[in-house]
Amino acid sequence: MSENDSKATFELYVDREGNHRWRLVHDNGNVIADSGEGYASRQKARQGIDSVRRNAPGAAVETLE
């Protein structure tokens, strides 16, 4: 599957406190992931998205008990 075939979209937005955030939204509208923190600038939020893309494409799954 190529990047263009993705069933999800990253959204950049500004929260109520004026912080920049991102969320990953599936085509069905469900939020799959979010930044978990606000960023001072849109550029920093975009860097957060880029970090997820770069660092987690083959991330292992661990079951915690």
N, C-alpha and C. Protein backbone atom coordinates (compact mmCIF):
# COMPACT_ATOMS: atom_id res chain seq x y z
N MET A 1 0.85 -1.17 0.00
CA MET A 1 0.00 0.00 0.00
C MET A 1 0.89 1.23 0.00
N SER A 2 0.66 2.15 -0.88
CA SER A 2 1.44 3.37 -0.92
C SER A 2 0.80 4.42 -0.02
N GLU A 3 1.54 5.51 0.21
CA GLU A 3 1.03 6.59 1.05
C GLU A 3 -0.28 7.14 0.50
N ASN A 4 -0.42 7.17 -0.81
CA ASN A 4 -1.64 7.70 -1.43
C ASN A 4 -2.84 6.78 -1.25
N ASP A 5 -2.61 5.51 -0.85
CA ASP A 5 -3.69 4.56 -0.64
C ASP A 5 -4.18 4.56 0.80
N SER A 6 -3.65 5.41 1.63
CA SER A 6 -3.97 5.43 3.06
C SER A 6 -5.46 5.62 3.28
N LYS A 7 -5.96 4.99 4.31
CA LYS A 7 -7.36 5.15 4.71
C LYS A 7 -7.48 6.19 5.82
N ALA A 8 -6.42 6.98 6.05
CA ALA A 8 -6.42 7.96 7.12
C ALA A 8 -5.75 9.25 6.67
N THR A 9 -6.06 10.33 7.38
CA THR A 9 -5.53 11.64 7.08
C THR A 9 -5.06 12.31 8.37
N PHE A 10 -3.88 12.93 8.33
CA PHE A 10 -3.44 13.75 9.45
C PHE A 10 -4.12 15.10 9.34
N GLU A 11 -4.68 15.57 10.44
CA GLU A 11 -5.28 16.90 10.49
C GLU A 11 -4.48 17.77 11.45
N LEU A 12 -4.13 18.97 11.03
CA LEU A 12 -3.51 19.98 11.90
C LEU A 12 -4.60 20.96 12.31
N TYR A 13 -4.64 21.31 13.61
CA TYR A 13 -5.65 22.26 14.06
C TYR A 13 -5.14 23.01 15.29
N VAL A 14 -5.86 24.05 15.66
CA VAL A 14 -5.54 24.85 16.84
C VAL A 14 -6.60 24.57 17.89
N ASP A 15 -6.15 24.23 19.12
CA ASP A 15 -7.11 23.92 20.19
C ASP A 15 -7.61 25.19 20.86
N ARG A 16 -8.47 25.05 21.85
CA ARG A 16 -9.09 26.21 22.52
C ARG A 16 -8.09 27.13 23.21
N GLU A 17 -6.94 26.55 23.61
CA GLU A 17 -5.91 27.34 24.29
C GLU A 17 -4.94 28.00 23.30
N GLY A 18 -5.16 27.77 22.00
CA GLY A 18 -4.30 28.37 20.99
C GLY A 18 -3.07 27.54 20.64
N ASN A 19 -3.01 26.29 21.13
CA ASN A 19 -1.91 25.40 20.81
C ASN A 19 -2.20 24.64 19.52
N HIS A 20 -1.15 24.34 18.79
CA HIS A 20 -1.28 23.57 17.55
C HIS A 20 -1.21 22.09 17.89
N ARG A 21 -2.08 21.31 17.30
CA ARG A 21 -2.16 19.87 17.55
C ARG A 21 -2.36 19.14 16.23
N TRP A 22 -2.19 17.82 16.27
CA TRP A 22 -2.50 16.98 15.12
C TRP A 22 -3.31 15.79 15.59
N ARG A 23 -4.07 15.25 14.66
CA ARG A 23 -4.79 13.99 14.91
C ARG A 23 -4.80 13.22 13.60
N LEU A 24 -4.81 11.90 13.71
CA LEU A 24 -4.88 11.01 12.56
C LEU A 24 -6.30 10.46 12.52
N VAL A 25 -7.01 10.77 11.45
CA VAL A 25 -8.43 10.42 11.34
C VAL A 25 -8.63 9.43 10.21
N HIS A 26 -9.28 8.31 10.52
CA HIS A 26 -9.62 7.29 9.51
C HIS A 26 -10.72 7.84 8.61
N ASP A 27 -10.83 7.27 7.42
CA ASP A 27 -11.88 7.69 6.48
C ASP A 27 -13.28 7.61 7.08
N ASN A 28 -13.47 6.73 8.07
CA ASN A 28 -14.79 6.58 8.69
C ASN A 28 -15.05 7.62 9.78
N GLY A 29 -14.07 8.52 10.01
CA GLY A 29 -14.25 9.59 10.98
C GLY A 29 -13.67 9.31 12.35
N ASN A 30 -13.27 8.08 12.61
CA ASN A 30 -12.69 7.75 13.91
C ASN A 30 -11.28 8.31 14.03
N VAL A 31 -10.97 8.88 15.21
CA VAL A 31 -9.61 9.35 15.49
C VAL A 31 -8.77 8.14 15.88
N ILE A 32 -7.72 7.90 15.12
CA ILE A 32 -6.84 6.75 15.34
C ILE A 32 -5.74 7.12 16.34
N ALA A 33 -5.22 8.33 16.24
CA ALA A 33 -4.15 8.80 17.12
C ALA A 33 -4.20 10.31 17.19
N ASP A 34 -3.57 10.87 18.24
CA ASP A 34 -3.46 12.32 18.32
C ASP A 34 -2.13 12.70 18.95
N SER A 35 -1.81 13.98 18.89
CA SER A 35 -0.51 14.45 19.35
C SER A 35 -0.31 14.29 20.85
N GLY A 36 -1.38 14.27 21.61
CA GLY A 36 -1.25 14.11 23.05
C GLY A 36 -0.73 15.35 23.76
N GLU A 37 -0.28 16.33 23.01
CA GLU A 37 0.20 17.57 23.58
C GLU A 37 0.01 18.69 22.56
N GLY A 38 -0.03 19.91 23.05
CA GLY A 38 -0.11 21.05 22.17
C GLY A 38 1.28 21.57 21.85
N TYR A 39 1.44 22.13 20.67
CA TYR A 39 2.71 22.70 20.23
C TYR A 39 2.55 24.20 20.08
N ALA A 40 3.65 24.93 20.27
CA ALA A 40 3.62 26.38 20.18
C ALA A 40 3.42 26.88 18.75
N SER A 41 3.77 26.06 17.76
CA SER A 41 3.65 26.50 16.37
C SER A 41 3.15 25.35 15.49
N ARG A 42 2.60 25.73 14.35
CA ARG A 42 2.16 24.74 13.36
C ARG A 42 3.35 23.93 12.88
N GLN A 43 4.50 24.57 12.73
CA GLN A 43 5.71 23.88 12.27
C GLN A 43 6.10 22.77 13.25
N LYS A 44 6.03 23.03 14.56
CA LYS A 44 6.38 22.00 15.55
C LYS A 44 5.37 20.85 15.52
N ALA A 45 4.10 21.17 15.31
CA ALA A 45 3.09 20.11 15.20
C ALA A 45 3.37 19.26 13.97
N ARG A 46 3.73 19.90 12.87
CA ARG A 46 4.06 19.16 11.64
C ARG A 46 5.28 18.27 11.85
N GLN A 47 6.25 18.75 12.61
CA GLN A 47 7.43 17.93 12.94
C GLN A 47 7.01 16.70 13.75
N GLY A 48 6.00 16.85 14.60
CA GLY A 48 5.47 15.71 15.34
C GLY A 48 4.88 14.66 14.41
N ILE A 49 4.13 15.10 13.41
CA ILE A 49 3.58 14.18 12.41
C ILE A 49 4.71 13.48 11.67
N ASP A 50 5.70 14.25 11.25
CA ASP A 50 6.83 13.67 10.51
C ASP A 50 7.57 12.64 11.36
N SER A 51 7.69 12.91 12.65
CA SER A 51 8.36 11.97 13.56
C SER A 51 7.60 10.65 13.65
N VAL A 52 6.28 10.72 13.76
CA VAL A 52 5.47 9.49 13.80
C VAL A 52 5.64 8.71 12.51
N ARG A 53 5.56 9.39 11.40
CA ARG A 53 5.72 8.71 10.10
C ARG A 53 7.08 8.04 9.97
N ARG A 54 8.11 8.71 10.45
CA ARG A 54 9.48 8.22 10.30
C ARG A 54 9.81 7.11 11.31
N ASN A 55 9.34 7.23 12.53
CA ASN A 55 9.78 6.35 13.62
C ASN A 55 8.87 5.17 13.91
N ALA A 56 7.66 5.12 13.35
CA ALA A 56 6.74 4.06 13.73
C ALA A 56 6.19 3.21 12.59
N PRO A 57 6.76 3.24 11.38
CA PRO A 57 6.11 2.47 10.31
C PRO A 57 6.10 0.97 10.56
N GLY A 58 7.09 0.44 11.25
CA GLY A 58 7.14 -0.99 11.52
C GLY A 58 7.18 -1.29 13.01
N ALA A 59 6.59 -0.40 13.80
CA ALA A 59 6.65 -0.55 15.25
C ALA A 59 6.03 -1.87 15.69
N ALA A 60 6.70 -2.49 16.66
CA ALA A 60 6.20 -3.76 17.22
C ALA A 60 4.96 -3.50 18.06
N VAL A 61 4.16 -4.54 18.25
CA VAL A 61 2.99 -4.49 19.11
C VAL A 61 3.28 -5.35 20.33
N GLU A 62 3.13 -4.78 21.51
CA GLU A 62 3.33 -5.52 22.76
C GLU A 62 2.00 -5.62 23.48
N THR A 63 1.69 -6.79 24.00
CA THR A 63 0.51 -6.97 24.81
C THR A 63 0.92 -6.87 26.27
N LEU A 64 0.35 -5.92 26.99
CA LEU A 64 0.66 -5.71 28.40
C LEU A 64 -0.44 -6.33 29.25
N GLU A 65 -0.03 -6.99 30.29
CA GLU A 65 -1.02 -7.62 31.18
C GLU A 65 -0.92 -7.11 32.57
